[in-house]
Amino acid sequence: MSQKTYQIILIIIMIVYSQMCFSSQTELDLNGCSLRQLHVDKTKSQLSADNLRNTWQGVGPWGGDVTSVAVDHQDPTILYAAVGNPYISTDSGATWQIWESLAAYSEVIYVITCTSDGIIYAGGDFNDDILKSTDGGTSWTQLSNFPISLREIRVISVDPADSDIIYVGVAGNSAATDWQQIAKTTNGGTSWTILDTNALGITMGVTDIAIDPGNTQNLVVSAEGGISGGDAVYSFDGGTSWFNIAGTLPTMYPFNDIEISGTDVYLGGGQLFGGQHVGVYKSQMGTFNWQNISTSFPLPVVNEVIVSPDNDQLIFAATEGDGIYISTDGGTTWEFG
């Protein structure tokens, strides 16, 4: 990830969570989504402008929850966002338009992923296939051979060493009788294999798949059970075998994100419904002895964790309902964003 791309992502991350945190309307948004009703106590010192470490600017697209943001690797001024409808910006987020070429195939997009060689993948509604573009999103091909049916596409992770290797995670199914949670392709989507994730709870839905850039055979996966429950698994052989790594994690609550930075693994989770507080946990790759590094958070519901590619001590944790927290010492201490 280039430094410029990293900076754009940090700016865009506020789009995703500011729209979640401060909406109090009950009507449907422009994308037909029900706006969240969150009641945030803005009198807390953590939300005081005087205590902000950085100045954040919301840049849209407005209306509903942004579930995915991607930056074009060929031109980092081009941004893509999934807000139910797919959106595109060609000026670093100053203006947005509905991405008509993609919306023609689906108006329910949850995830957009760009590869280093200019390929774009998108997925969403369970009635739709994975979509692939090799010309910057001008035209799309439906990968109708994707082997998992009737599950929403939630995660598309591309091997940083080989963009033909892709892992796709899907939403959970409370009535599941087999482990159809992750599919893998090694040829850019021409053919797929459903991975045997039997170390993961059978009804769980995948929320993130992190690939170790230092050894792309190492994978870690976070998962959630809908209104409650979470799980995490690890593979050291590119998804052939899996091991449960939930250990001492609070598995009664959902896990939303998992990231790898060097030899460290970070997991974020929780949801406001029912006061299901998780926060941020940290462990070493391979040992998975988890430590809660967010005990100072007043509202430990973490949707995303980002570690700087240039400084592994610089961590950003995006919460639902309490803004963004920043650590400059690997999670030992935190400041409000």
C-alpha atoms as a PDB file:
ATOM      1  CA  MET A   1       0.000   0.000   0.000  1.00  0.00           C
ATOM      2  CA  SER A   2       1.488   3.330  -1.032  1.00  0.00           C
ATOM      3  CA  GLN A   3       1.677   6.166   1.477  1.00  0.00           C
ATOM      4  CA  LYS A   4      -0.766   8.230  -0.616  1.00  0.00           C
ATOM      5  CA  THR A   5      -3.259   5.383  -0.758  1.00  0.00           C
ATOM      6  CA  TYR A   6      -2.889   4.862   3.001  1.00  0.00           C
ATOM      7  CA  GLN A   7      -3.605   8.540   3.681  1.00  0.00           C
ATOM      8  CA  ILE A   8      -6.714   8.460   1.497  1.00  0.00           C
ATOM      9  CA  ILE A   9      -8.001   5.389   3.309  1.00  0.00           C
ATOM     10  CA  LEU A  10      -7.557   7.097   6.665  1.00  0.00           C
ATOM     11  CA  ILE A  11      -9.587  10.035   5.397  1.00  0.00           C
ATOM     12  CA  ILE A  12     -12.265   7.810   3.911  1.00  0.00           C
ATOM     13  CA  ILE A  13     -12.590   5.694   7.067  1.00  0.00           C
ATOM     14  CA  MET A  14     -14.416   8.610   8.652  1.00  0.00           C
ATOM     15  CA  ILE A  15     -17.030   8.353   5.901  1.00  0.00           C
ATOM     16  CA  VAL A  16     -17.887   4.836   6.948  1.00  0.00           C
ATOM     17  CA  TYR A  17     -18.284   5.466  10.631  1.00  0.00           C
ATOM     18  CA  SER A  18     -19.490   9.061  10.833  1.00  0.00           C
ATOM     19  CA  GLN A  19     -22.591   8.021   8.914  1.00  0.00           C
ATOM     20  CA  MET A  20     -23.116   5.125  11.312  1.00  0.00           C
ATOM     21  CA  CYS A  21     -22.507   7.084  14.469  1.00  0.00           C
ATOM     22  CA  PHE A  22     -24.482  10.270  14.155  1.00  0.00           C
ATOM     23  CA  SER A  23     -27.659   9.319  12.265  1.00  0.00           C
ATOM     24  CA  SER A  24     -30.873   9.714  14.229  1.00  0.00           C
ATOM     25  CA  GLN A  25     -33.364   9.680  11.367  1.00  0.00           C
ATOM     26  CA  THR A  26     -35.883   6.936  10.873  1.00  0.00           C
ATOM     27  CA  GLU A  27     -36.759   7.354   7.207  1.00  0.00           C
ATOM     28  CA  LEU A  28     -35.137   5.442   4.375  1.00  0.00           C
ATOM     29  CA  ASP A  29     -32.053   6.975   2.798  1.00  0.00           C
ATOM     30  CA  LEU A  30     -31.489   7.616  -0.908  1.00  0.00           C
ATOM     31  CA  ASN A  31     -30.314   4.036  -1.360  1.00  0.00           C
ATOM     32  CA  GLY A  32     -33.396   2.478   0.214  1.00  0.00           C
ATOM     33  CA  CYS A  33     -31.554   1.547   3.406  1.00  0.00           C
ATOM     34  CA  SER A  34     -32.939   2.073   6.874  1.00  0.00           C
ATOM     35  CA  LEU A  35     -30.860   4.658   8.697  1.00  0.00           C
ATOM     36  CA  ARG A  36     -29.469   3.534  12.044  1.00  0.00           C
ATOM     37  CA  GLN A  37     -30.864   4.998  15.245  1.00  0.00           C
ATOM     38  CA  LEU A  38     -27.900   5.467  17.552  1.00  0.00           C
ATOM     39  CA  HIS A  39     -28.116   7.657  20.605  1.00  0.00           C
ATOM     40  CA  VAL A  40     -24.604   8.905  21.262  1.00  0.00           C
ATOM     41  CA  ASP A  41     -23.778  10.853  24.415  1.00  0.00           C
ATOM     42  CA  LYS A  42     -21.965  13.780  22.831  1.00  0.00           C
ATOM     43  CA  THR A  43     -21.257  15.343  26.223  1.00  0.00           C
ATOM     44  CA  LYS A  44     -18.449  12.855  26.843  1.00  0.00           C
ATOM     45  CA  SER A  45     -15.019  14.421  26.928  1.00  0.00           C
ATOM     46  CA  GLN A  46     -13.935  11.961  24.240  1.00  0.00           C
ATOM     47  CA  LEU A  47     -16.245  13.704  21.762  1.00  0.00           C
ATOM     48  CA  SER A  48     -15.045  17.203  22.566  1.00  0.00           C
ATOM     49  CA  ALA A  49     -13.452  18.977  19.594  1.00  0.00           C
ATOM     50  CA  ASP A  50     -10.746  20.246  21.948  1.00  0.00           C
ATOM     51  CA  ASN A  51      -9.588  16.671  22.553  1.00  0.00           C
ATOM     52  CA  LEU A  52      -9.365  15.592  18.918  1.00  0.00           C
ATOM     53  CA  ARG A  53      -5.904  14.506  17.815  1.00  0.00           C
ATOM     54  CA  ASN A  54      -6.738  15.081  14.133  1.00  0.00           C
ATOM     55  CA  THR A  55      -9.216  17.072  12.104  1.00  0.00           C
ATOM     56  CA  TRP A  56     -11.537  14.850  10.078  1.00  0.00           C
ATOM     57  CA  GLN A  57     -13.601  15.832   7.068  1.00  0.00           C
ATOM     58  CA  GLY A  58     -16.590  13.870   5.836  1.00  0.00           C
ATOM     59  CA  VAL A  59     -16.549  13.641   2.043  1.00  0.00           C
ATOM     60  CA  GLY A  60     -19.577  11.422   1.268  1.00  0.00           C
ATOM     61  CA  PRO A  61     -21.251   9.698  -0.457  1.00  0.00           C
ATOM     62  CA  TRP A  62     -24.126  10.629   1.839  1.00  0.00           C
ATOM     63  CA  GLY A  63     -26.985   8.372   2.806  1.00  0.00           C
ATOM     64  CA  GLY A  64     -26.859   4.992   4.487  1.00  0.00           C
ATOM     65  CA  ASP A  65     -23.902   2.966   5.723  1.00  0.00           C
ATOM     66  CA  VAL A  66     -20.729   2.733   3.648  1.00  0.00           C
ATOM     67  CA  THR A  67     -19.754  -0.943   3.895  1.00  0.00           C
ATOM     68  CA  SER A  68     -16.666  -0.882   1.670  1.00  0.00           C
ATOM     69  CA  VAL A  69     -14.197   1.659   0.291  1.00  0.00           C
ATOM     70  CA  ALA A  70     -11.505   0.873  -2.289  1.00  0.00           C
ATOM     71  CA  VAL A  71      -8.748   2.963  -3.859  1.00  0.00           C
ATOM     72  CA  ASP A  72      -7.709   2.399  -7.476  1.00  0.00           C
ATOM     73  CA  HIS A  73      -4.091   1.214  -7.475  1.00  0.00           C
ATOM     74  CA  GLN A  74      -3.449   2.740 -10.890  1.00  0.00           C
ATOM     75  CA  ASP A  75      -4.848   6.168  -9.957  1.00  0.00           C
ATOM     76  CA  PRO A  76      -5.334   6.844  -6.216  1.00  0.00           C
ATOM     77  CA  THR A  77      -7.590   9.839  -6.932  1.00  0.00           C
ATOM     78  CA  ILE A  78     -10.238   7.315  -8.041  1.00  0.00           C
ATOM     79  CA  LEU A  79     -12.257   5.940  -5.124  1.00  0.00           C
ATOM     80  CA  TYR A  80     -15.031   3.359  -4.996  1.00  0.00           C
ATOM     81  CA  ALA A  81     -17.639   2.991  -2.258  1.00  0.00           C
ATOM     82  CA  ALA A  82     -20.380   0.468  -1.559  1.00  0.00           C
ATOM     83  CA  VAL A  83     -23.466   2.087  -0.019  1.00  0.00           C
ATOM     84  CA  GLY A  84     -25.973  -0.473  -1.190  1.00  0.00           C
ATOM     85  CA  ASN A  85     -25.648   1.300  -4.534  1.00  0.00           C
ATOM     86  CA  PRO A  86     -22.022   1.439  -5.784  1.00  0.00           C
ATOM     87  CA  TYR A  87     -20.462   4.912  -6.015  1.00  0.00           C
ATOM     88  CA  ILE A  88     -17.367   6.268  -7.749  1.00  0.00           C
ATOM     89  CA  SER A  89     -15.304   9.422  -7.222  1.00  0.00           C
ATOM     90  CA  THR A  90     -12.639  10.578  -9.659  1.00  0.00           C
ATOM     91  CA  ASP A  91     -11.415  13.518  -7.554  1.00  0.00           C
ATOM     92  CA  SER A  92     -10.323  11.967  -4.241  1.00  0.00           C
ATOM     93  CA  GLY A  93     -13.828  12.110  -2.784  1.00  0.00           C
ATOM     94  CA  ALA A  94     -14.697  15.736  -3.581  1.00  0.00           C
ATOM     95  CA  THR A  95     -17.683  14.540  -5.637  1.00  0.00           C
ATOM     96  CA  TRP A  96     -19.427  11.187  -6.059  1.00  0.00           C
ATOM     97  CA  GLN A  97     -21.671   9.606  -8.662  1.00  0.00           C
ATOM     98  CA  ILE A  98     -23.512   6.321  -8.784  1.00  0.00           C
ATOM     99  CA  TRP A  99     -21.235   3.870 -10.576  1.00  0.00           C
ATOM    100  CA  GLU A 100     -23.636   3.196 -13.404  1.00  0.00           C
ATOM    101  CA  SER A 101     -21.734   0.360 -15.093  1.00  0.00           C
ATOM    102  CA  LEU A 102     -21.714  -1.668 -11.866  1.00  0.00           C
ATOM    103  CA  ALA A 103     -25.188  -0.605 -10.702  1.00  0.00           C
ATOM    104  CA  ALA A 104     -26.546  -1.980 -13.980  1.00  0.00           C
ATOM    105  CA  TYR A 105     -25.707  -5.446 -12.647  1.00  0.00           C
ATOM    106  CA  SER A 106     -26.547  -4.947  -8.984  1.00  0.00           C
ATOM    107  CA  GLU A 107     -27.843  -2.194  -6.722  1.00  0.00           C
ATOM    108  CA  VAL A 108     -26.893  -4.139  -3.597  1.00  0.00           C
ATOM    109  CA  ILE A 109     -23.099  -4.093  -3.403  1.00  0.00           C
ATOM    110  CA  TYR A 110     -21.407  -4.774  -0.054  1.00  0.00           C
ATOM    111  CA  VAL A 111     -17.738  -5.085  -0.997  1.00  0.00           C
ATOM    112  CA  ILE A 112     -15.399  -3.684  -3.661  1.00  0.00           C
ATOM    113  CA  THR A 113     -11.762  -4.795  -3.954  1.00  0.00           C
ATOM    114  CA  CYS A 114      -9.006  -3.600  -6.299  1.00  0.00           C
ATOM    115  CA  THR A 115      -5.893  -5.578  -7.202  1.00  0.00           C
ATOM    116  CA  SER A 116      -2.434  -4.116  -7.759  1.00  0.00           C
ATOM    117  CA  ASP A 117      -2.661  -4.903 -11.489  1.00  0.00           C
ATOM    118  CA  GLY A 118      -5.893  -2.997 -12.071  1.00  0.00           C
ATOM    119  CA  ILE A 119      -8.592  -5.653 -11.696  1.00  0.00           C
ATOM    120  CA  ILE A 120     -11.718  -4.782  -9.686  1.00  0.00           C
ATOM    121  CA  TYR A 121     -13.988  -7.294  -7.936  1.00  0.00           C
ATOM    122  CA  ALA A 122     -17.386  -6.552  -6.412  1.00  0.00           C
ATOM    123  CA  GLY A 123     -20.039  -8.575  -4.652  1.00  0.00           C
ATOM    124  CA  GLY A 124     -23.143  -8.214  -2.559  1.00  0.00           C
ATOM    125  CA  ASP A 125     -26.664  -9.537  -2.687  1.00  0.00           C
ATOM    126  CA  PHE A 126     -27.180 -13.292  -2.474  1.00  0.00           C
ATOM    127  CA  ASN A 127     -29.051 -13.289  -5.781  1.00  0.00           C
ATOM    128  CA  ASP A 128     -26.028 -11.861  -7.623  1.00  0.00           C
ATOM    129  CA  ASP A 129     -22.712 -13.319  -8.735  1.00  0.00           C
ATOM    130  CA  ILE A 130     -19.263 -11.920  -8.094  1.00  0.00           C
ATOM    131  CA  LEU A 131     -18.497  -9.228 -10.663  1.00  0.00           C
ATOM    132  CA  LYS A 132     -15.085  -8.654 -12.242  1.00  0.00           C
ATOM    133  CA  SER A 133     -13.747  -5.748 -14.304  1.00  0.00           C
ATOM    134  CA  THR A 134     -10.415  -5.646 -16.126  1.00  0.00           C
ATOM    135  CA  ASP A 135     -10.867  -2.174 -17.653  1.00  0.00           C
ATOM    136  CA  GLY A 136     -11.270   0.080 -14.649  1.00  0.00           C
ATOM    137  CA  GLY A 137     -14.965  -0.586 -14.174  1.00  0.00           C
ATOM    138  CA  THR A 138     -16.108   0.337 -17.683  1.00  0.00           C
ATOM    139  CA  SER A 139     -17.432  -3.180 -18.274  1.00  0.00           C
ATOM    140  CA  TRP A 140     -18.071  -6.167 -16.028  1.00  0.00           C
ATOM    141  CA  THR A 141     -18.099  -9.945 -16.225  1.00  0.00           C
ATOM    142  CA  GLN A 142     -20.353 -11.995 -13.968  1.00  0.00           C
ATOM    143  CA  LEU A 143     -18.478 -14.932 -12.444  1.00  0.00           C
ATOM    144  CA  SER A 144     -21.536 -17.135 -12.502  1.00  0.00           C
ATOM    145  CA  ASN A 145     -19.508 -20.204 -11.541  1.00  0.00           C
ATOM    146  CA  PHE A 146     -19.077 -19.040  -7.936  1.00  0.00           C
ATOM    147  CA  PRO A 147     -19.918 -22.215  -6.010  1.00  0.00           C
ATOM    148  CA  ILE A 148     -21.662 -20.857  -2.895  1.00  0.00           C
ATOM    149  CA  SER A 149     -25.267 -19.897  -3.549  1.00  0.00           C
ATOM    150  CA  LEU A 150     -27.862 -17.919  -1.584  1.00  0.00           C
ATOM    151  CA  ARG A 151     -25.273 -16.227   0.634  1.00  0.00           C
ATOM    152  CA  GLU A 152     -24.383 -12.535   0.565  1.00  0.00           C
ATOM    153  CA  ILE A 153     -20.804 -11.783  -0.506  1.00  0.00           C
ATOM    154  CA  ARG A 154     -19.151 -10.012   2.425  1.00  0.00           C
ATOM    155  CA  VAL A 155     -15.363 -10.282   1.897  1.00  0.00           C
ATOM    156  CA  ILE A 156     -13.104 -10.410  -1.172  1.00  0.00           C
ATOM    157  CA  SER A 157      -9.399 -10.710  -0.277  1.00  0.00           C
ATOM    158  CA  VAL A 158      -6.687 -10.848  -2.942  1.00  0.00           C
ATOM    159  CA  ASP A 159      -3.273 -12.459  -2.382  1.00  0.00           C
ATOM    160  CA  PRO A 160      -0.771  -9.552  -2.449  1.00  0.00           C
ATOM    161  CA  ALA A 161       1.809 -11.766  -4.170  1.00  0.00           C
ATOM    162  CA  ASP A 162      -0.506 -13.229  -6.827  1.00  0.00           C
ATOM    163  CA  SER A 163      -3.684 -11.424  -7.857  1.00  0.00           C
ATOM    164  CA  ASP A 164      -5.083 -14.613  -9.419  1.00  0.00           C
ATOM    165  CA  ILE A 165      -5.461 -16.033  -5.899  1.00  0.00           C
ATOM    166  CA  ILE A 166      -8.639 -14.719  -4.279  1.00  0.00           C
ATOM    167  CA  TYR A 167     -10.561 -15.676  -1.152  1.00  0.00           C
ATOM    168  CA  VAL A 168     -14.252 -14.835  -0.875  1.00  0.00           C
ATOM    169  CA  GLY A 169     -16.150 -14.955   2.428  1.00  0.00           C
ATOM    170  CA  VAL A 170     -19.926 -15.075   2.662  1.00  0.00           C
ATOM    171  CA  ALA A 171     -22.605 -14.259   5.223  1.00  0.00           C
ATOM    172  CA  GLY A 172     -23.750 -16.824   7.760  1.00  0.00           C
ATOM    173  CA  ASN A 173     -26.743 -19.107   7.681  1.00  0.00           C
ATOM    174  CA  SER A 174     -28.464 -20.104  10.917  1.00  0.00           C
ATOM    175  CA  ALA A 175     -29.744 -23.274   9.225  1.00  0.00           C
ATOM    176  CA  ALA A 176     -26.401 -24.306   7.698  1.00  0.00           C
ATOM    177  CA  THR A 177     -25.606 -28.027   7.651  1.00  0.00           C
ATOM    178  CA  ASP A 178     -22.188 -27.766   5.986  1.00  0.00           C
ATOM    179  CA  TRP A 179     -19.239 -25.382   5.922  1.00  0.00           C
ATOM    180  CA  GLN A 180     -19.873 -23.176   2.887  1.00  0.00           C
ATOM    181  CA  GLN A 181     -18.193 -20.033   4.190  1.00  0.00           C
ATOM    182  CA  ILE A 182     -15.065 -19.364   2.096  1.00  0.00           C
ATOM    183  CA  ALA A 183     -14.308 -20.092  -1.560  1.00  0.00           C
ATOM    184  CA  LYS A 184     -10.891 -19.779  -3.215  1.00  0.00           C
ATOM    185  CA  THR A 185      -9.734 -19.323  -6.786  1.00  0.00           C
ATOM    186  CA  THR A 186      -6.151 -19.616  -8.042  1.00  0.00           C
ATOM    187  CA  ASN A 187      -6.904 -18.496 -11.598  1.00  0.00           C
ATOM    188  CA  GLY A 188      -8.706 -15.192 -11.222  1.00  0.00           C
ATOM    189  CA  GLY A 189     -12.179 -16.671 -10.928  1.00  0.00           C
ATOM    190  CA  THR A 190     -12.160 -19.193 -13.764  1.00  0.00           C
ATOM    191  CA  SER A 191     -12.707 -21.985 -11.240  1.00  0.00           C
ATOM    192  CA  TRP A 192     -13.369 -22.106  -7.511  1.00  0.00           C
ATOM    193  CA  THR A 193     -12.942 -24.430  -4.539  1.00  0.00           C
ATOM    194  CA  ILE A 194     -15.044 -24.306  -1.385  1.00  0.00           C
ATOM    195  CA  LEU A 195     -12.603 -24.506   1.524  1.00  0.00           C
ATOM    196  CA  ASP A 196     -13.263 -26.888   4.383  1.00  0.00           C
ATOM    197  CA  THR A 197     -13.532 -24.401   7.258  1.00  0.00           C
ATOM    198  CA  ASN A 198     -14.767 -26.966   9.793  1.00  0.00           C
ATOM    199  CA  ALA A 199     -12.816 -25.265  12.587  1.00  0.00           C
ATOM    200  CA  LEU A 200     -15.228 -22.336  12.251  1.00  0.00           C
ATOM    201  CA  GLY A 201     -18.698 -22.387  13.755  1.00  0.00           C
ATOM    202  CA  ILE A 202     -20.958 -23.861  11.082  1.00  0.00           C
ATOM    203  CA  THR A 203     -23.534 -21.047  11.161  1.00  0.00           C
ATOM    204  CA  MET A 204     -20.982 -18.219  11.268  1.00  0.00           C
ATOM    205  CA  GLY A 205     -20.622 -15.579   8.571  1.00  0.00           C
ATOM    206  CA  VAL A 206     -17.186 -14.337   7.522  1.00  0.00           C
ATOM    207  CA  THR A 207     -16.465 -10.682   8.281  1.00  0.00           C
ATOM    208  CA  ASP A 208     -12.816 -10.498   7.209  1.00  0.00           C
ATOM    209  CA  ILE A 209     -10.027 -12.581   5.685  1.00  0.00           C
ATOM    210  CA  ALA A 210      -6.502 -11.256   6.304  1.00  0.00           C
ATOM    211  CA  ILE A 211      -3.577 -12.549   4.243  1.00  0.00           C
ATOM    212  CA  ASP A 212      -0.077 -12.297   5.723  1.00  0.00           C
ATOM    213  CA  PRO A 213       1.995 -10.220   3.250  1.00  0.00           C
ATOM    214  CA  GLY A 214       5.180 -11.817   4.618  1.00  0.00           C
ATOM    215  CA  ASN A 215       3.897 -15.350   4.030  1.00  0.00           C
ATOM    216  CA  THR A 216       0.715 -15.479   1.983  1.00  0.00           C
ATOM    217  CA  GLN A 217       0.036 -19.057   3.085  1.00  0.00           C
ATOM    218  CA  ASN A 218      -0.916 -17.596   6.473  1.00  0.00           C
ATOM    219  CA  LEU A 219      -4.573 -16.595   6.699  1.00  0.00           C
ATOM    220  CA  VAL A 220      -6.655 -15.390   9.629  1.00  0.00           C
ATOM    221  CA  VAL A 221     -10.435 -15.057   9.509  1.00  0.00           C
ATOM    222  CA  SER A 222     -12.931 -13.259  11.731  1.00  0.00           C
ATOM    223  CA  ALA A 223     -16.601 -14.215  11.856  1.00  0.00           C
ATOM    224  CA  GLU A 224     -19.920 -13.314  13.430  1.00  0.00           C
ATOM    225  CA  GLY A 225     -23.163 -15.068  14.195  1.00  0.00           C
ATOM    226  CA  GLY A 226     -25.637 -12.350  13.297  1.00  0.00           C
ATOM    227  CA  ILE A 227     -27.179 -10.798  16.391  1.00  0.00           C
ATOM    228  CA  SER A 228     -24.572 -12.432  18.656  1.00  0.00           C
ATOM    229  CA  GLY A 229     -21.586 -14.761  18.668  1.00  0.00           C
ATOM    230  CA  GLY A 230     -18.121 -14.574  17.115  1.00  0.00           C
ATOM    231  CA  ASP A 231     -15.319 -16.865  16.008  1.00  0.00           C
ATOM    232  CA  ALA A 232     -11.818 -16.792  14.479  1.00  0.00           C
ATOM    233  CA  VAL A 233      -9.727 -19.343  12.578  1.00  0.00           C
ATOM    234  CA  TYR A 234      -6.196 -19.626  11.161  1.00  0.00           C
ATOM    235  CA  SER A 235      -4.615 -21.447   8.222  1.00  0.00           C
ATOM    236  CA  PHE A 236      -0.884 -21.854   7.573  1.00  0.00           C
ATOM    237  CA  ASP A 237      -1.301 -23.553   4.188  1.00  0.00           C
ATOM    238  CA  GLY A 238      -3.454 -21.241   2.097  1.00  0.00           C
ATOM    239  CA  GLY A 239      -6.764 -22.549   3.370  1.00  0.00           C
ATOM    240  CA  THR A 240      -6.233 -26.303   3.060  1.00  0.00           C
ATOM    241  CA  SER A 241      -6.407 -26.802   6.815  1.00  0.00           C
ATOM    242  CA  TRP A 242      -7.852 -24.585   9.543  1.00  0.00           C
ATOM    243  CA  PHE A 243      -7.435 -24.188  13.297  1.00  0.00           C
ATOM    244  CA  ASN A 244      -9.724 -22.363  15.693  1.00  0.00           C
ATOM    245  CA  ILE A 245      -7.914 -19.470  17.384  1.00  0.00           C
ATOM    246  CA  ALA A 246     -10.782 -17.907  19.346  1.00  0.00           C
ATOM    247  CA  GLY A 247      -9.211 -19.056  22.625  1.00  0.00           C
ATOM    248  CA  THR A 248      -9.871 -16.451  25.310  1.00  0.00           C
ATOM    249  CA  LEU A 249     -11.736 -14.060  22.987  1.00  0.00           C
ATOM    250  CA  PRO A 250     -15.304 -13.122  24.057  1.00  0.00           C
ATOM    251  CA  THR A 251     -17.010 -15.454  21.571  1.00  0.00           C
ATOM    252  CA  MET A 252     -20.477 -14.553  22.817  1.00  0.00           C
ATOM    253  CA  TYR A 253     -20.124 -11.330  20.776  1.00  0.00           C
ATOM    254  CA  PRO A 254     -19.485 -10.748  17.042  1.00  0.00           C
ATOM    255  CA  PHE A 255     -16.023 -10.197  15.551  1.00  0.00           C
ATOM    256  CA  ASN A 256     -15.971  -7.563  12.797  1.00  0.00           C
ATOM    257  CA  ASP A 257     -12.398  -7.278  11.539  1.00  0.00           C
ATOM    258  CA  ILE A 258      -8.996  -8.970  11.673  1.00  0.00           C
ATOM    259  CA  GLU A 259      -5.656  -7.570  10.508  1.00  0.00           C
ATOM    260  CA  ILE A 260      -2.045  -8.746  10.255  1.00  0.00           C
ATOM    261  CA  SER A 261       0.923  -6.441  10.827  1.00  0.00           C
ATOM    262  CA  GLY A 262       4.303  -8.135  10.889  1.00  0.00           C
ATOM    263  CA  THR A 263       4.047 -10.877  13.494  1.00  0.00           C
ATOM    264  CA  ASP A 264       1.058  -9.236  15.212  1.00  0.00           C
ATOM    265  CA  VAL A 265      -2.637  -9.971  14.671  1.00  0.00           C
ATOM    266  CA  TYR A 266      -5.352  -7.479  15.637  1.00  0.00           C
ATOM    267  CA  LEU A 267      -9.052  -8.282  15.990  1.00  0.00           C
ATOM    268  CA  GLY A 268     -11.899  -5.816  16.430  1.00  0.00           C
ATOM    269  CA  GLY A 269     -15.466  -6.605  17.346  1.00  0.00           C
ATOM    270  CA  GLY A 270     -18.704  -5.960  19.155  1.00  0.00           C
ATOM    271  CA  GLN A 271     -22.009  -4.276  18.365  1.00  0.00           C
ATOM    272  CA  LEU A 272     -24.167  -1.679  20.080  1.00  0.00           C
ATOM    273  CA  PHE A 273     -27.224  -3.951  20.163  1.00  0.00           C
ATOM    274  CA  GLY A 274     -27.378  -5.560  23.586  1.00  0.00           C
ATOM    275  CA  GLY A 275     -24.203  -3.833  24.776  1.00  0.00           C
ATOM    276  CA  GLN A 276     -22.000  -6.459  23.108  1.00  0.00           C
ATOM    277  CA  HIS A 277     -18.600  -4.933  23.854  1.00  0.00           C
ATOM    278  CA  VAL A 278     -15.408  -6.443  22.415  1.00  0.00           C
ATOM    279  CA  GLY A 279     -12.981  -3.657  21.443  1.00  0.00           C
ATOM    280  CA  VAL A 280      -9.520  -4.504  20.098  1.00  0.00           C
ATOM    281  CA  TYR A 281      -7.530  -7.645  20.886  1.00  0.00           C
ATOM    282  CA  LYS A 282      -3.918  -8.341  19.924  1.00  0.00           C
ATOM    283  CA  SER A 283      -1.875 -11.537  19.638  1.00  0.00           C
ATOM    284  CA  GLN A 284       1.232 -12.959  18.020  1.00  0.00           C
ATOM    285  CA  MET A 285       0.814 -14.879  14.779  1.00  0.00           C
ATOM    286  CA  GLY A 286       0.980 -18.598  15.500  1.00  0.00           C
ATOM    287  CA  THR A 287       0.522 -18.395  19.274  1.00  0.00           C
ATOM    288  CA  PHE A 288      -2.807 -16.527  19.419  1.00  0.00           C
ATOM    289  CA  ASN A 289      -2.671 -15.649  23.099  1.00  0.00           C
ATOM    290  CA  TRP A 290      -5.079 -12.735  22.935  1.00  0.00           C
ATOM    291  CA  GLN A 291      -4.736  -9.543  24.980  1.00  0.00           C
ATOM    292  CA  ASN A 292      -7.418  -6.859  25.262  1.00  0.00           C
ATOM    293  CA  ILE A 293      -5.656  -3.606  24.371  1.00  0.00           C
ATOM    294  CA  SER A 294      -8.766  -1.394  24.449  1.00  0.00           C
ATOM    295  CA  THR A 295      -9.747  -1.427  28.114  1.00  0.00           C
ATOM    296  CA  SER A 296      -9.670   2.388  28.124  1.00  0.00           C
ATOM    297  CA  PHE A 297     -12.351   2.674  25.415  1.00  0.00           C
ATOM    298  CA  PRO A 298     -15.631   3.997  26.873  1.00  0.00           C
ATOM    299  CA  LEU A 299     -17.593   2.232  24.123  1.00  0.00           C
ATOM    300  CA  PRO A 300     -15.560  -0.778  22.860  1.00  0.00           C
ATOM    301  CA  VAL A 301     -17.455  -1.620  19.686  1.00  0.00           C
ATOM    302  CA  VAL A 302     -14.797  -1.705  16.957  1.00  0.00           C
ATOM    303  CA  ASN A 303     -15.664  -2.164  13.291  1.00  0.00           C
ATOM    304  CA  GLU A 304     -12.241  -1.665  11.725  1.00  0.00           C
ATOM    305  CA  VAL A 305      -8.563  -1.725  12.732  1.00  0.00           C
ATOM    306  CA  ILE A 306      -5.874  -0.217  10.477  1.00  0.00           C
ATOM    307  CA  VAL A 307      -2.134  -0.465  11.147  1.00  0.00           C
ATOM    308  CA  SER A 308       0.184   1.908   9.310  1.00  0.00           C
ATOM    309  CA  PRO A 309       2.307   0.066   6.714  1.00  0.00           C
ATOM    310  CA  ASP A 310       5.170   2.428   7.527  1.00  0.00           C
ATOM    311  CA  ASN A 311       4.964   2.274  11.329  1.00  0.00           C
ATOM    312  CA  ASP A 312       3.553  -0.812  13.013  1.00  0.00           C
ATOM    313  CA  GLN A 313       3.141   1.112  16.258  1.00  0.00           C
ATOM    314  CA  LEU A 314       0.599   3.476  14.668  1.00  0.00           C
ATOM    315  CA  ILE A 315      -2.883   1.945  14.918  1.00  0.00           C
ATOM    316  CA  PHE A 316      -6.330   3.342  14.134  1.00  0.00           C
ATOM    317  CA  ALA A 317      -9.468   1.778  15.630  1.00  0.00           C
ATOM    318  CA  ALA A 318     -12.812   2.884  14.174  1.00  0.00           C
ATOM    319  CA  THR A 319     -15.663   2.406  16.624  1.00  0.00           C
ATOM    320  CA  GLU A 320     -19.413   2.435  16.170  1.00  0.00           C
ATOM    321  CA  GLY A 321     -20.804   5.256  18.267  1.00  0.00           C
ATOM    322  CA  ASP A 322     -17.579   6.684  19.671  1.00  0.00           C
ATOM    323  CA  GLY A 323     -15.419   7.872  16.780  1.00  0.00           C
ATOM    324  CA  ILE A 324     -11.827   6.873  16.054  1.00  0.00           C
ATOM    325  CA  TYR A 325      -9.042   6.020  18.476  1.00  0.00           C
ATOM    326  CA  ILE A 326      -5.326   6.250  17.684  1.00  0.00           C
ATOM    327  CA  SER A 327      -2.375   4.504  19.292  1.00  0.00           C
ATOM    328  CA  THR A 328       1.253   5.393  18.615  1.00  0.00           C
ATOM    329  CA  ASP A 329       2.728   2.631  20.762  1.00  0.00           C
ATOM    330  CA  GLY A 330       1.220  -0.555  19.369  1.00  0.00           C
ATOM    331  CA  GLY A 331      -1.964  -0.361  21.422  1.00  0.00           C
ATOM    332  CA  THR A 332      -0.449   0.273  24.861  1.00  0.00           C
ATOM    333  CA  THR A 333      -2.122   3.665  25.076  1.00  0.00           C
ATOM    334  CA  TRP A 334      -4.803   5.393  22.976  1.00  0.00           C
ATOM    335  CA  GLU A 335      -5.924   8.915  22.166  1.00  0.00           C
ATOM    336  CA  PHE A 336      -9.293   9.975  20.803  1.00  0.00           C
ATOM    337  CA  GLY A 337      -9.015  10.627  17.024  1.00  0.00           C
END
